[in-house]
Protein backbone atom coordinates (compact mmCIF):
# COMPACT_ATOMS: atom_id res chain seq x y z
CA UNK A 1 79.59 -21.30 -7.31
CA UNK A 2 75.90 -21.79 -8.03
CA UNK A 3 75.94 -25.59 -8.33
CA UNK A 4 77.84 -26.27 -5.06
CA UNK A 5 75.42 -23.94 -3.24
CA UNK A 6 72.38 -25.68 -4.73
CA UNK A 7 73.89 -29.08 -3.95
CA UNK A 8 74.57 -28.06 -0.34
CA UNK A 9 70.96 -26.95 0.12
CA UNK A 10 69.77 -30.22 -1.44
CA UNK A 11 72.03 -32.31 0.82
CA UNK A 12 70.67 -30.49 3.88
CA UNK A 13 67.26 -32.07 3.17
CA UNK A 14 68.67 -35.58 2.79
CA UNK A 15 70.13 -38.36 4.85
CA UNK A 16 73.52 -38.76 3.19
CA UNK A 17 76.32 -40.97 4.43
CA UNK A 18 79.55 -40.84 2.45
CA UNK A 19 80.14 -44.54 3.05
CA UNK A 20 76.72 -45.52 1.72
CA UNK A 21 75.58 -43.04 -0.94
CA UNK A 22 73.20 -45.57 -2.52
CA UNK A 23 70.84 -45.17 0.43
CA UNK A 24 70.55 -41.39 0.21
CA UNK A 25 66.97 -40.37 1.03
CA UNK A 26 65.03 -37.14 1.36
CA UNK A 27 64.09 -36.46 4.98
CA UNK A 28 62.72 -32.93 4.78
CA UNK A 29 63.61 -30.69 7.71
CA UNK A 30 64.87 -33.47 9.97
CA UNK A 31 68.47 -32.31 9.74
CA UNK A 32 67.51 -28.80 10.78
CA UNK A 33 65.42 -30.17 13.65
CA UNK A 34 68.38 -32.27 14.78
CA UNK A 35 70.63 -29.22 14.52
CA UNK A 36 68.31 -27.07 16.65
CA UNK A 37 67.99 -29.86 19.22
CA UNK A 38 71.76 -30.31 19.46
CA UNK A 39 73.35 -28.45 22.42
CA UNK A 40 76.74 -28.60 20.71
CA UNK A 41 75.33 -26.44 17.89
CA UNK A 42 74.47 -23.66 20.33
CA UNK A 43 77.92 -23.88 21.88
CA UNK A 44 79.45 -23.60 18.42
CA UNK A 45 77.10 -20.71 17.54
CA UNK A 46 78.05 -18.67 20.60
CA UNK A 47 81.73 -19.38 19.96
CA UNK A 48 81.29 -18.30 16.34
CA UNK A 49 79.78 -14.99 17.40
CA UNK A 50 82.64 -14.29 19.82
CA UNK A 51 85.21 -15.44 17.26
CA UNK A 52 83.79 -13.39 14.40
CA UNK A 53 82.75 -10.12 16.01
CA UNK A 54 85.47 -10.12 18.67
CA UNK A 55 88.28 -10.64 16.17
CA UNK A 56 86.95 -8.20 13.57
CA UNK A 57 86.29 -5.48 16.17
CA UNK A 58 89.90 -5.46 17.33
CA UNK A 59 91.19 -5.83 13.77
CA UNK A 60 89.24 -2.72 12.80
CA UNK A 61 90.35 -0.80 15.91
CA UNK A 62 94.06 -1.53 15.60
CA UNK A 63 93.94 -1.47 11.80
CA UNK A 64 92.53 2.07 11.95
CA UNK A 65 95.27 3.12 14.39
CA UNK A 66 97.91 1.51 12.19
CA UNK A 67 96.57 3.18 9.04
CA UNK A 68 96.59 6.61 10.71
CA UNK A 69 100.18 6.01 11.83
CA UNK A 70 101.31 4.82 8.39
CA UNK A 71 99.66 7.87 6.80
CA UNK A 72 102.12 10.17 8.57
CA UNK A 73 105.36 11.39 7.04
CA UNK A 74 107.84 9.10 8.78
CA UNK A 75 111.20 7.67 7.76
CA UNK A 76 111.22 4.37 5.90
CA UNK A 77 107.46 4.61 5.42
CA UNK A 78 107.51 2.41 2.32
CA UNK A 79 109.57 -0.29 4.06
CA UNK A 80 107.33 -0.23 7.11
CA UNK A 81 104.22 -0.57 4.95
CA UNK A 82 105.72 -3.61 3.27
CA UNK A 83 106.65 -5.23 6.59
CA UNK A 84 103.15 -4.63 7.95
CA UNK A 85 101.76 -6.87 5.22
CA UNK A 86 103.89 -9.88 6.18
CA UNK A 87 101.34 -11.52 8.53
CA UNK A 88 98.58 -11.15 5.95
CA UNK A 89 100.78 -12.55 3.16
CA UNK A 90 101.79 -15.62 5.18
CA UNK A 91 99.71 -18.79 4.61
CA UNK A 92 97.37 -19.52 7.49
CA UNK A 93 98.84 -23.01 8.02
CA UNK A 94 102.29 -21.52 8.60
CA UNK A 95 100.76 -18.93 10.92
CA UNK A 96 99.12 -21.70 12.95
CA UNK A 97 102.33 -23.73 13.17
CA UNK A 98 104.32 -20.65 14.19
CA UNK A 99 101.90 -19.80 17.01
CA UNK A 100 101.76 -23.44 18.05
CA UNK A 101 105.49 -23.21 18.72
CA UNK A 102 105.25 -19.80 20.40
CA UNK A 103 102.48 -20.98 22.74
CA UNK A 104 103.90 -24.43 23.49
CA UNK A 105 103.44 -24.93 27.26
CA UNK A 106 106.94 -26.35 27.73
CA UNK A 107 109.17 -24.89 25.03
CA UNK A 108 107.18 -21.89 23.79
CA UNK A 109 108.70 -18.43 23.91
CA UNK A 110 105.50 -16.92 25.36
CA UNK A 111 105.73 -18.88 28.61
CA UNK A 112 109.49 -18.38 28.77
CA UNK A 113 109.00 -14.61 28.64
CA UNK A 114 106.37 -14.84 31.38
CA UNK A 115 108.83 -16.86 33.45
CA UNK A 116 111.34 -14.00 33.30
CA UNK A 117 108.88 -11.76 35.14
CA UNK A 118 107.83 -14.37 37.67
CA UNK A 119 104.59 -15.56 36.06
CA UNK A 120 103.99 -19.28 35.73
CA UNK A 121 103.38 -21.10 32.46
CA UNK A 122 99.92 -20.56 30.97
CA UNK A 123 97.84 -23.27 29.22
CA UNK A 124 97.05 -20.97 26.32
CA UNK A 125 95.34 -23.51 24.07
CA UNK A 126 94.57 -26.35 26.48
CA UNK A 127 92.37 -24.51 28.95
CA UNK A 128 88.67 -23.90 28.12
CA UNK A 129 88.88 -20.38 29.55
CA UNK A 130 91.84 -19.25 27.43
CA UNK A 131 91.60 -21.27 24.22
CA UNK A 132 89.11 -19.09 22.35
CA UNK A 133 90.54 -15.72 23.52
CA UNK A 134 93.99 -16.91 22.45
CA UNK A 135 92.69 -17.87 19.01
CA UNK A 136 90.96 -14.49 18.70
CA UNK A 137 94.24 -12.77 19.59
CA UNK A 138 96.06 -14.71 16.85
CA UNK A 139 93.40 -13.88 14.27
CA UNK A 140 93.52 -10.21 15.28
CA UNK A 141 97.29 -10.22 14.73
CA UNK A 142 96.72 -11.93 11.38
CA UNK A 143 93.97 -9.57 10.18
CA UNK A 144 95.21 -6.13 11.28
CA UNK A 145 97.37 -5.64 8.13
CA UNK A 146 94.34 -6.08 5.85
CA UNK A 147 92.42 -3.34 7.64
CA UNK A 148 95.48 -1.11 7.86
CA UNK A 149 96.21 -1.28 4.13
CA UNK A 150 92.58 -0.84 3.05
CA UNK A 151 91.98 2.11 5.39
CA UNK A 152 95.34 3.64 4.44
CA UNK A 153 94.30 3.60 0.79
CA UNK A 154 91.07 5.39 1.73
CA UNK A 155 92.95 7.94 3.86
CA UNK A 156 95.23 8.83 0.97
CA UNK A 157 92.20 9.67 -1.16
CA UNK A 158 90.99 12.36 1.29
CA UNK A 159 91.55 15.79 -0.37
CA UNK A 160 94.23 17.84 1.39
CA UNK A 161 92.15 20.97 0.79
CA UNK A 162 89.50 19.73 3.23
CA UNK A 163 92.09 18.96 5.89
CA UNK A 164 93.66 22.37 5.44
CA UNK A 165 90.26 24.07 5.64
CA UNK A 166 89.49 22.24 8.88
CA UNK A 167 92.84 23.31 10.32
CA UNK A 168 92.22 26.93 9.38
CA UNK A 169 88.79 26.78 11.02
CA UNK A 170 90.49 25.75 14.27
CA UNK A 171 89.47 22.09 14.35
CA UNK A 172 91.75 19.87 16.42
CA UNK A 173 93.00 16.47 15.23
CA UNK A 174 90.09 14.55 16.78
CA UNK A 175 87.39 16.80 15.32
CA UNK A 176 89.09 16.75 11.93
CA UNK A 177 89.13 12.95 11.93
CA UNK A 178 85.59 12.55 13.27
CA UNK A 179 83.85 15.19 11.15
CA UNK A 180 85.95 15.33 7.98
CA UNK A 181 88.02 12.19 7.49
CA UNK A 182 85.74 9.45 8.85
CA UNK A 183 82.68 10.31 6.70
CA UNK A 184 84.88 10.18 3.60
CA UNK A 185 86.52 6.84 4.40
CA UNK A 186 83.37 5.25 5.88
CA UNK A 187 82.36 3.38 2.67
CA UNK A 188 85.82 1.75 2.51
CA UNK A 189 85.66 0.90 6.22
CA UNK A 190 82.20 -0.65 5.83
CA UNK A 191 83.09 -2.84 2.87
CA UNK A 192 86.36 -3.92 4.49
CA UNK A 193 84.54 -4.79 7.72
CA UNK A 194 81.83 -6.71 5.89
CA UNK A 195 84.34 -8.71 3.86
CA UNK A 196 86.39 -9.48 6.95
CA UNK A 197 83.28 -10.54 8.89
CA UNK A 198 82.40 -13.00 6.13
CA UNK A 199 85.94 -14.33 5.84
CA UNK A 200 86.41 -14.66 9.60
CA UNK A 201 83.05 -16.38 10.07
CA UNK A 202 84.06 -19.01 7.50
CA UNK A 203 87.70 -19.24 8.57
CA UNK A 204 88.58 -22.26 10.70
CA UNK A 205 92.11 -23.18 9.58
CA UNK A 206 93.72 -21.75 12.72
CA UNK A 207 91.17 -23.40 15.01
CA UNK A 208 91.44 -26.76 13.26
CA UNK A 209 95.23 -26.87 13.56
CA UNK A 210 95.69 -25.31 16.99
CA UNK A 211 92.78 -26.73 19.04
CA UNK A 212 90.50 -28.71 16.71
CA UNK A 213 87.58 -27.08 18.50
CA UNK A 214 88.70 -28.12 21.97
CA UNK A 215 89.17 -28.40 24.77
CA UNK A 216 85.63 -29.59 25.51
CA UNK A 217 84.26 -27.66 22.49
CA UNK A 218 85.49 -24.38 24.02
CA UNK A 219 86.73 -23.18 20.62
CA UNK A 220 84.35 -25.06 18.34
CA UNK A 221 82.71 -22.86 15.70
CA UNK A 222 79.86 -23.61 13.31
CA UNK A 223 82.04 -24.05 10.17
CA UNK A 224 84.39 -26.39 12.03
CA UNK A 225 81.44 -28.31 13.46
CA UNK A 226 80.00 -28.66 9.96
CA UNK A 227 83.35 -29.96 8.71
CA UNK A 228 83.66 -32.46 11.54
CA UNK A 229 80.07 -33.65 11.10
CA UNK A 230 80.42 -34.14 7.35
CA UNK A 231 83.94 -35.47 6.95
CA UNK A 232 84.54 -37.21 10.27
CA UNK A 233 81.04 -38.19 11.26
CA UNK A 234 80.26 -38.98 7.60
CA UNK A 235 76.87 -37.28 7.99
CA UNK A 236 76.80 -34.98 4.97
CA UNK A 237 73.13 -34.14 5.43
CA UNK A 238 73.55 -32.65 8.90
CA UNK A 239 76.88 -31.11 7.90
CA UNK A 240 75.18 -29.41 4.94
CA UNK A 241 72.38 -28.15 7.23
CA UNK A 242 74.99 -26.53 9.48
CA UNK A 243 76.65 -24.95 6.45
CA UNK A 244 73.32 -23.63 5.15
CA UNK A 245 72.57 -22.07 8.55
CA UNK A 246 75.98 -20.41 8.45
CA UNK A 247 75.33 -19.12 4.92
CA UNK A 248 71.96 -17.68 5.99
CA UNK A 249 73.65 -15.78 8.82
CA UNK A 250 76.23 -14.36 6.42
CA UNK A 251 73.51 -13.42 3.92
CA UNK A 252 71.91 -11.28 6.63
CA UNK A 253 75.22 -9.46 7.07
CA UNK A 254 75.39 -8.75 3.33
CA UNK A 255 71.81 -7.44 3.28
CA UNK A 256 72.52 -5.14 6.21
CA UNK A 257 75.63 -3.88 4.46
CA UNK A 258 73.77 -3.18 1.21
CA UNK A 259 71.10 -1.23 3.12
CA UNK A 260 73.78 0.83 4.83
CA UNK A 261 75.44 1.58 1.48
CA UNK A 262 72.10 2.71 0.02
CA UNK A 263 71.48 4.98 3.01
CA UNK A 264 74.96 6.49 2.54
CA UNK A 265 74.29 7.08 -1.17
CA UNK A 266 70.97 8.75 -0.40
CA UNK A 267 72.54 10.94 2.26
């Protein structure tokens, strides 16, 4: 892990073309200047923020709801827990191909169902206004099981004595969750959220297969832009600079998480 990271940082300060490696030269901060002067980078950055925080927010919200539901004594609880994991256990390429068929403008089941209620076919992935929200929806569907399972594990570690004491004191379900359960499961929620933020920020398989960053860069993210710049534009220097900028952003997330963990330990 260390050598690829060092090599990426080194490449970001060079002019490196895959088709002509013999002419690799050091150019200092030129790649970063070109990145900051590139309007496509800012488009990709804004899209990355929406993609990352939008998807993880709804994954956390619905994952929490799912975990609370799965923590109840219901029939076939074990079977339901296993089925919940299916989206998370399915390879992302298969997920992308499945949703490509579901959202097909002509043959997809999504538009057929809309047709039954009198709504016309929607250009889910081919319209700049719907492409990114549709991708976020797919990633939310894909990531909810991870949150649900992680939070469920934390919920099952909450001592029953505390829940019983809260009930005896007259606390309702909301107060019990907010004042008793949430503080106990918060460390698990924080680490799960941080991991998912990092993974989602770097994750571009779905975007690459379903839209390739289009239409008109409406779903282009920084990791996908770095990939396209390096492997299609053959500019590994600028591609590495984009990747280093992405890594710096993620490093800030990790630092913020570590500070929050330390504050929790002190408290």
